[in-house]
Amino acid sequence: MNYTNVQRVRVLYKTILKLHRGLPQELQLLGTNYVRDEFKRHKTCGENEARIFMSEWSNYALTLAEQLGLRGPSTGTDKLGAPLSPTELENFRDEQIYQLHDLMVEAAKPRKEE
């Protein structure tokens, strides 16, 4: 099957949203909103940036699938996420550092009692 770039992006986007269904509710909402924002923001990026974007989000999807367990929670790991290495952080642009900080602040907010 020969996918166009738009189809590849759409498949990756939908895959990530489906994976987010396996997250705890607070993380699901935070992650889904972040993914939507990032994919919208990169609609008009250049070819090189698009290649990096797709590679990094594909890695994210693979890591999340491993952590959640493709066959259900019993096959996944007990932890979610992975630390960023100093090398990865050094390669971030200022804009990405600010986004990461905003994401950290949002994730650290107290949970609402339901």
N, C-alpha and C. Protein backbone atom coordinates (compact mmCIF):
# COMPACT_ATOMS: atom_id res chain seq x y z
N MET A 1 0.85 -1.18 0.00
CA MET A 1 0.00 0.00 0.00
C MET A 1 0.89 1.24 0.00
N ASN A 2 0.65 2.15 -0.91
CA ASN A 2 1.46 3.35 -1.04
C ASN A 2 0.70 4.55 -0.46
N TYR A 3 1.16 5.01 0.69
CA TYR A 3 0.52 6.13 1.36
C TYR A 3 1.14 7.44 0.91
N THR A 4 0.32 8.47 0.81
CA THR A 4 0.85 9.81 0.60
C THR A 4 1.31 10.34 1.95
N ASN A 5 2.04 11.43 1.94
CA ASN A 5 2.50 12.02 3.20
C ASN A 5 1.33 12.40 4.10
N VAL A 6 0.28 12.94 3.51
CA VAL A 6 -0.89 13.33 4.29
C VAL A 6 -1.51 12.10 4.96
N GLN A 7 -1.59 11.00 4.23
CA GLN A 7 -2.15 9.78 4.80
C GLN A 7 -1.27 9.24 5.93
N ARG A 8 0.03 9.31 5.75
CA ARG A 8 0.95 8.84 6.81
C ARG A 8 0.76 9.66 8.08
N VAL A 9 0.66 10.97 7.92
CA VAL A 9 0.46 11.84 9.08
C VAL A 9 -0.86 11.50 9.75
N ARG A 10 -1.91 11.32 8.97
CA ARG A 10 -3.24 11.02 9.52
C ARG A 10 -3.24 9.69 10.27
N VAL A 11 -2.58 8.68 9.70
CA VAL A 11 -2.52 7.36 10.35
C VAL A 11 -1.76 7.46 11.67
N LEU A 12 -0.64 8.17 11.67
CA LEU A 12 0.13 8.33 12.90
C LEU A 12 -0.68 9.09 13.95
N TYR A 13 -1.32 10.16 13.54
CA TYR A 13 -2.14 10.96 14.45
C TYR A 13 -3.24 10.12 15.10
N LYS A 14 -3.97 9.38 14.28
CA LYS A 14 -5.06 8.54 14.80
C LYS A 14 -4.53 7.41 15.68
N THR A 15 -3.37 6.87 15.33
CA THR A 15 -2.76 5.82 16.15
C THR A 15 -2.43 6.35 17.54
N ILE A 16 -1.85 7.54 17.59
CA ILE A 16 -1.49 8.14 18.88
C ILE A 16 -2.74 8.41 19.71
N LEU A 17 -3.78 8.94 19.08
CA LEU A 17 -5.03 9.19 19.82
C LEU A 17 -5.62 7.89 20.37
N LYS A 18 -5.55 6.82 19.60
CA LYS A 18 -6.03 5.52 20.09
C LYS A 18 -5.18 5.02 21.25
N LEU A 19 -3.88 5.19 21.15
CA LEU A 19 -3.00 4.78 22.25
C LEU A 19 -3.31 5.56 23.52
N HIS A 20 -3.64 6.84 23.37
CA HIS A 20 -3.94 7.67 24.53
C HIS A 20 -5.16 7.16 25.31
N ARG A 21 -6.02 6.40 24.66
CA ARG A 21 -7.18 5.84 25.36
C ARG A 21 -6.76 4.90 26.49
N GLY A 22 -5.55 4.38 26.42
CA GLY A 22 -5.05 3.48 27.45
C GLY A 22 -4.39 4.19 28.61
N LEU A 23 -4.29 5.51 28.54
CA LEU A 23 -3.68 6.29 29.61
C LEU A 23 -4.69 6.61 30.70
N PRO A 24 -4.21 6.91 31.92
CA PRO A 24 -5.13 7.42 32.94
C PRO A 24 -5.82 8.68 32.40
N GLN A 25 -7.02 8.94 32.85
CA GLN A 25 -7.85 10.00 32.28
C GLN A 25 -7.15 11.36 32.22
N GLU A 26 -6.45 11.75 33.30
CA GLU A 26 -5.80 13.07 33.31
C GLU A 26 -4.71 13.14 32.24
N LEU A 27 -3.93 12.07 32.14
CA LEU A 27 -2.86 12.03 31.14
C LEU A 27 -3.43 11.94 29.73
N GLN A 28 -4.53 11.24 29.59
CA GLN A 28 -5.17 11.12 28.28
C GLN A 28 -5.58 12.50 27.77
N LEU A 29 -6.22 13.28 28.60
CA LEU A 29 -6.67 14.61 28.21
C LEU A 29 -5.48 15.52 27.89
N LEU A 30 -4.50 15.53 28.77
CA LEU A 30 -3.31 16.35 28.56
C LEU A 30 -2.57 15.95 27.29
N GLY A 31 -2.36 14.66 27.12
CA GLY A 31 -1.63 14.16 25.96
C GLY A 31 -2.36 14.41 24.66
N THR A 32 -3.65 14.17 24.65
CA THR A 32 -4.44 14.36 23.44
C THR A 32 -4.46 15.82 23.02
N ASN A 33 -4.63 16.72 23.98
CA ASN A 33 -4.61 18.15 23.66
C ASN A 33 -3.25 18.56 23.11
N TYR A 34 -2.19 18.04 23.70
CA TYR A 34 -0.84 18.38 23.24
C TYR A 34 -0.60 17.86 21.83
N VAL A 35 -1.01 16.63 21.56
CA VAL A 35 -0.83 16.04 20.23
C VAL A 35 -1.60 16.85 19.19
N ARG A 36 -2.83 17.18 19.48
CA ARG A 36 -3.64 17.98 18.54
C ARG A 36 -2.94 19.30 18.22
N ASP A 37 -2.46 19.97 19.25
CA ASP A 37 -1.78 21.25 19.07
C ASP A 37 -0.52 21.09 18.22
N GLU A 38 0.27 20.08 18.52
CA GLU A 38 1.52 19.86 17.79
C GLU A 38 1.28 19.52 16.32
N PHE A 39 0.32 18.67 16.05
CA PHE A 39 0.04 18.31 14.66
C PHE A 39 -0.52 19.51 13.89
N LYS A 40 -1.35 20.33 14.52
CA LYS A 40 -1.84 21.54 13.86
C LYS A 40 -0.69 22.51 13.59
N ARG A 41 0.18 22.65 14.57
CA ARG A 41 1.30 23.59 14.46
C ARG A 41 2.26 23.20 13.34
N HIS A 42 2.36 21.93 13.04
CA HIS A 42 3.32 21.47 12.04
C HIS A 42 2.70 21.21 10.67
N LYS A 43 1.48 21.66 10.45
CA LYS A 43 0.83 21.45 9.15
C LYS A 43 1.61 22.08 8.00
N THR A 44 2.26 23.19 8.26
CA THR A 44 2.93 23.92 7.19
C THR A 44 4.45 23.96 7.36
N CYS A 45 5.00 23.02 8.08
CA CYS A 45 6.45 23.03 8.30
C CYS A 45 7.19 22.55 7.05
N GLY A 46 8.48 22.81 7.01
CA GLY A 46 9.31 22.40 5.88
C GLY A 46 9.53 20.90 5.85
N GLU A 47 10.08 20.44 4.73
CA GLU A 47 10.26 19.00 4.51
C GLU A 47 11.18 18.36 5.56
N ASN A 48 12.29 19.01 5.87
CA ASN A 48 13.22 18.45 6.85
C ASN A 48 12.60 18.39 8.24
N GLU A 49 11.93 19.47 8.63
CA GLU A 49 11.28 19.50 9.94
C GLU A 49 10.16 18.46 10.00
N ALA A 50 9.44 18.27 8.88
CA ALA A 50 8.37 17.27 8.83
C ALA A 50 8.93 15.87 9.01
N ARG A 51 10.08 15.60 8.42
CA ARG A 51 10.71 14.29 8.54
C ARG A 51 11.09 14.02 10.01
N ILE A 52 11.68 15.01 10.66
CA ILE A 52 12.05 14.88 12.07
C ILE A 52 10.79 14.72 12.93
N PHE A 53 9.79 15.53 12.66
CA PHE A 53 8.52 15.48 13.38
C PHE A 53 7.91 14.09 13.32
N MET A 54 7.82 13.54 12.13
CA MET A 54 7.23 12.21 11.95
C MET A 54 8.06 11.13 12.65
N SER A 55 9.36 11.26 12.57
CA SER A 55 10.24 10.27 13.21
C SER A 55 10.06 10.29 14.73
N GLU A 56 10.05 11.47 15.31
CA GLU A 56 9.93 11.59 16.77
C GLU A 56 8.56 11.13 17.25
N TRP A 57 7.50 11.49 16.54
CA TRP A 57 6.16 11.06 16.96
C TRP A 57 5.96 9.57 16.73
N SER A 58 6.61 9.02 15.72
CA SER A 58 6.55 7.56 15.51
C SER A 58 7.24 6.85 16.66
N ASN A 59 8.39 7.37 17.08
CA ASN A 59 9.09 6.79 18.24
C ASN A 59 8.23 6.88 19.49
N TYR A 60 7.55 8.01 19.66
CA TYR A 60 6.66 8.18 20.81
C TYR A 60 5.56 7.12 20.79
N ALA A 61 4.95 6.92 19.63
CA ALA A 61 3.87 5.94 19.50
C ALA A 61 4.37 4.53 19.81
N LEU A 62 5.55 4.19 19.31
CA LEU A 62 6.11 2.86 19.59
C LEU A 62 6.40 2.68 21.07
N THR A 63 6.99 3.70 21.69
CA THR A 63 7.31 3.63 23.12
C THR A 63 6.04 3.51 23.95
N LEU A 64 5.04 4.30 23.61
CA LEU A 64 3.78 4.26 24.36
C LEU A 64 3.09 2.91 24.18
N ALA A 65 3.13 2.37 22.98
CA ALA A 65 2.53 1.05 22.73
C ALA A 65 3.21 -0.02 23.57
N GLU A 66 4.54 0.06 23.68
CA GLU A 66 5.28 -0.90 24.52
C GLU A 66 4.91 -0.74 25.98
N GLN A 67 4.83 0.51 26.44
CA GLN A 67 4.55 0.76 27.85
C GLN A 67 3.12 0.39 28.22
N LEU A 68 2.19 0.61 27.32
CA LEU A 68 0.80 0.26 27.60
C LEU A 68 0.53 -1.22 27.37
N GLY A 69 1.29 -1.82 26.51
CA GLY A 69 1.07 -3.22 26.15
C GLY A 69 0.05 -3.29 25.04
N LEU A 70 0.45 -3.79 23.89
CA LEU A 70 -0.45 -3.84 22.74
C LEU A 70 -1.63 -4.77 22.98
N ARG A 71 -1.47 -5.74 23.86
CA ARG A 71 -2.54 -6.70 24.11
C ARG A 71 -3.27 -6.41 25.42
N GLY A 72 -3.16 -5.20 25.89
CA GLY A 72 -3.87 -4.82 27.10
C GLY A 72 -2.91 -4.47 28.23
N PRO A 73 -3.43 -3.89 29.30
CA PRO A 73 -2.60 -3.42 30.40
C PRO A 73 -1.72 -4.49 31.03
N SER A 74 -2.14 -5.75 31.02
CA SER A 74 -1.34 -6.79 31.69
C SER A 74 -0.03 -7.07 30.96
N THR A 75 0.09 -6.66 29.70
CA THR A 75 1.33 -6.91 28.97
C THR A 75 2.24 -5.68 28.95
N GLY A 76 1.78 -4.58 29.49
CA GLY A 76 2.56 -3.35 29.48
C GLY A 76 3.51 -3.27 30.66
N THR A 77 4.24 -2.16 30.70
CA THR A 77 5.15 -1.93 31.82
C THR A 77 4.42 -1.12 32.88
N ASP A 78 5.04 -0.98 34.05
CA ASP A 78 4.41 -0.24 35.14
C ASP A 78 4.65 1.26 35.04
N LYS A 79 5.52 1.69 34.15
CA LYS A 79 5.81 3.11 34.08
C LYS A 79 5.42 3.66 32.72
N LEU A 80 5.11 4.93 32.73
CA LEU A 80 4.79 5.63 31.49
C LEU A 80 5.80 6.76 31.32
N GLY A 81 6.22 6.98 30.09
CA GLY A 81 7.16 8.06 29.81
C GLY A 81 8.59 7.59 29.83
N ALA A 82 9.47 8.49 29.44
CA ALA A 82 10.90 8.22 29.42
C ALA A 82 11.63 9.54 29.63
N PRO A 83 12.72 9.52 30.38
CA PRO A 83 13.46 10.76 30.62
C PRO A 83 14.16 11.24 29.34
N LEU A 84 14.32 12.54 29.23
CA LEU A 84 15.09 13.11 28.12
C LEU A 84 16.55 13.18 28.53
N SER A 85 17.42 12.83 27.62
CA SER A 85 18.85 12.88 27.91
C SER A 85 19.33 14.32 27.79
N PRO A 86 20.46 14.65 28.43
CA PRO A 86 21.03 16.00 28.28
C PRO A 86 21.30 16.34 26.81
N THR A 87 21.71 15.36 26.03
CA THR A 87 21.97 15.60 24.60
C THR A 87 20.70 15.99 23.88
N GLU A 88 19.60 15.29 24.18
CA GLU A 88 18.32 15.63 23.56
C GLU A 88 17.90 17.05 23.93
N LEU A 89 18.04 17.39 25.20
CA LEU A 89 17.67 18.73 25.65
C LEU A 89 18.51 19.81 24.99
N GLU A 90 19.80 19.54 24.80
CA GLU A 90 20.68 20.52 24.15
C GLU A 90 20.29 20.76 22.71
N ASN A 91 19.67 19.78 22.07
CA ASN A 91 19.27 19.92 20.67
C ASN A 91 17.92 20.62 20.50
N PHE A 92 17.22 20.88 21.60
CA PHE A 92 15.93 21.56 21.52
C PHE A 92 16.13 23.03 21.18
N ARG A 93 15.21 23.57 20.40
CA ARG A 93 15.18 25.01 20.15
C ARG A 93 14.55 25.68 21.38
N ASP A 94 14.76 26.99 21.53
CA ASP A 94 14.19 27.72 22.66
C ASP A 94 12.68 27.52 22.75
N GLU A 95 12.01 27.56 21.61
CA GLU A 95 10.56 27.38 21.57
C GLU A 95 10.17 26.02 22.15
N GLN A 96 10.95 24.99 21.87
CA GLN A 96 10.65 23.66 22.37
C GLN A 96 10.87 23.57 23.88
N ILE A 97 11.88 24.26 24.37
CA ILE A 97 12.14 24.29 25.82
C ILE A 97 10.95 24.94 26.53
N TYR A 98 10.46 26.04 25.98
CA TYR A 98 9.29 26.71 26.57
C TYR A 98 8.07 25.80 26.55
N GLN A 99 7.86 25.09 25.45
CA GLN A 99 6.74 24.15 25.36
C GLN A 99 6.87 23.05 26.41
N LEU A 100 8.07 22.54 26.56
CA LEU A 100 8.32 21.48 27.54
C LEU A 100 8.03 21.98 28.95
N HIS A 101 8.43 23.21 29.23
CA HIS A 101 8.16 23.80 30.53
C HIS A 101 6.65 23.95 30.75
N ASP A 102 5.95 24.47 29.74
CA ASP A 102 4.49 24.61 29.85
C ASP A 102 3.81 23.27 30.08
N LEU A 103 4.29 22.24 29.41
CA LEU A 103 3.73 20.90 29.57
C LEU A 103 3.98 20.39 30.99
N MET A 104 5.19 20.64 31.51
CA MET A 104 5.52 20.23 32.87
C MET A 104 4.61 20.93 33.89
N VAL A 105 4.41 22.23 33.70
CA VAL A 105 3.54 22.99 34.60
C VAL A 105 2.11 22.45 34.55
N GLU A 106 1.62 22.18 33.36
CA GLU A 106 0.26 21.65 33.20
C GLU A 106 0.12 20.28 33.86
N ALA A 107 1.13 19.44 33.68
CA ALA A 107 1.09 18.09 34.25
C ALA A 107 1.18 18.11 35.77
N ALA A 108 1.80 19.15 36.33
CA ALA A 108 2.00 19.23 37.77
C ALA A 108 0.81 19.86 38.50
N LYS A 109 -0.16 20.37 37.77
CA LYS A 109 -1.33 20.99 38.41
C LYS A 109 -2.07 19.95 39.23
N PRO A 110 -2.64 20.39 40.36
CA PRO A 110 -3.40 19.44 41.19
C PRO A 110 -4.57 18.86 40.41
N ARG A 111 -4.85 17.61 40.68
CA ARG A 111 -5.97 16.92 40.02
C ARG A 111 -7.28 17.43 40.58
N LYS A 112 -8.26 17.53 39.70
CA LYS A 112 -9.61 17.92 40.15
C LYS A 112 -10.30 16.69 40.70
N GLU A 113 -10.92 16.84 41.84
CA GLU A 113 -11.69 15.75 42.43
C GLU A 113 -13.01 15.64 41.70
N GLU A 114 -13.40 14.42 41.35
CA GLU A 114 -14.67 14.23 40.63
C GLU A 114 -15.73 13.71 41.54
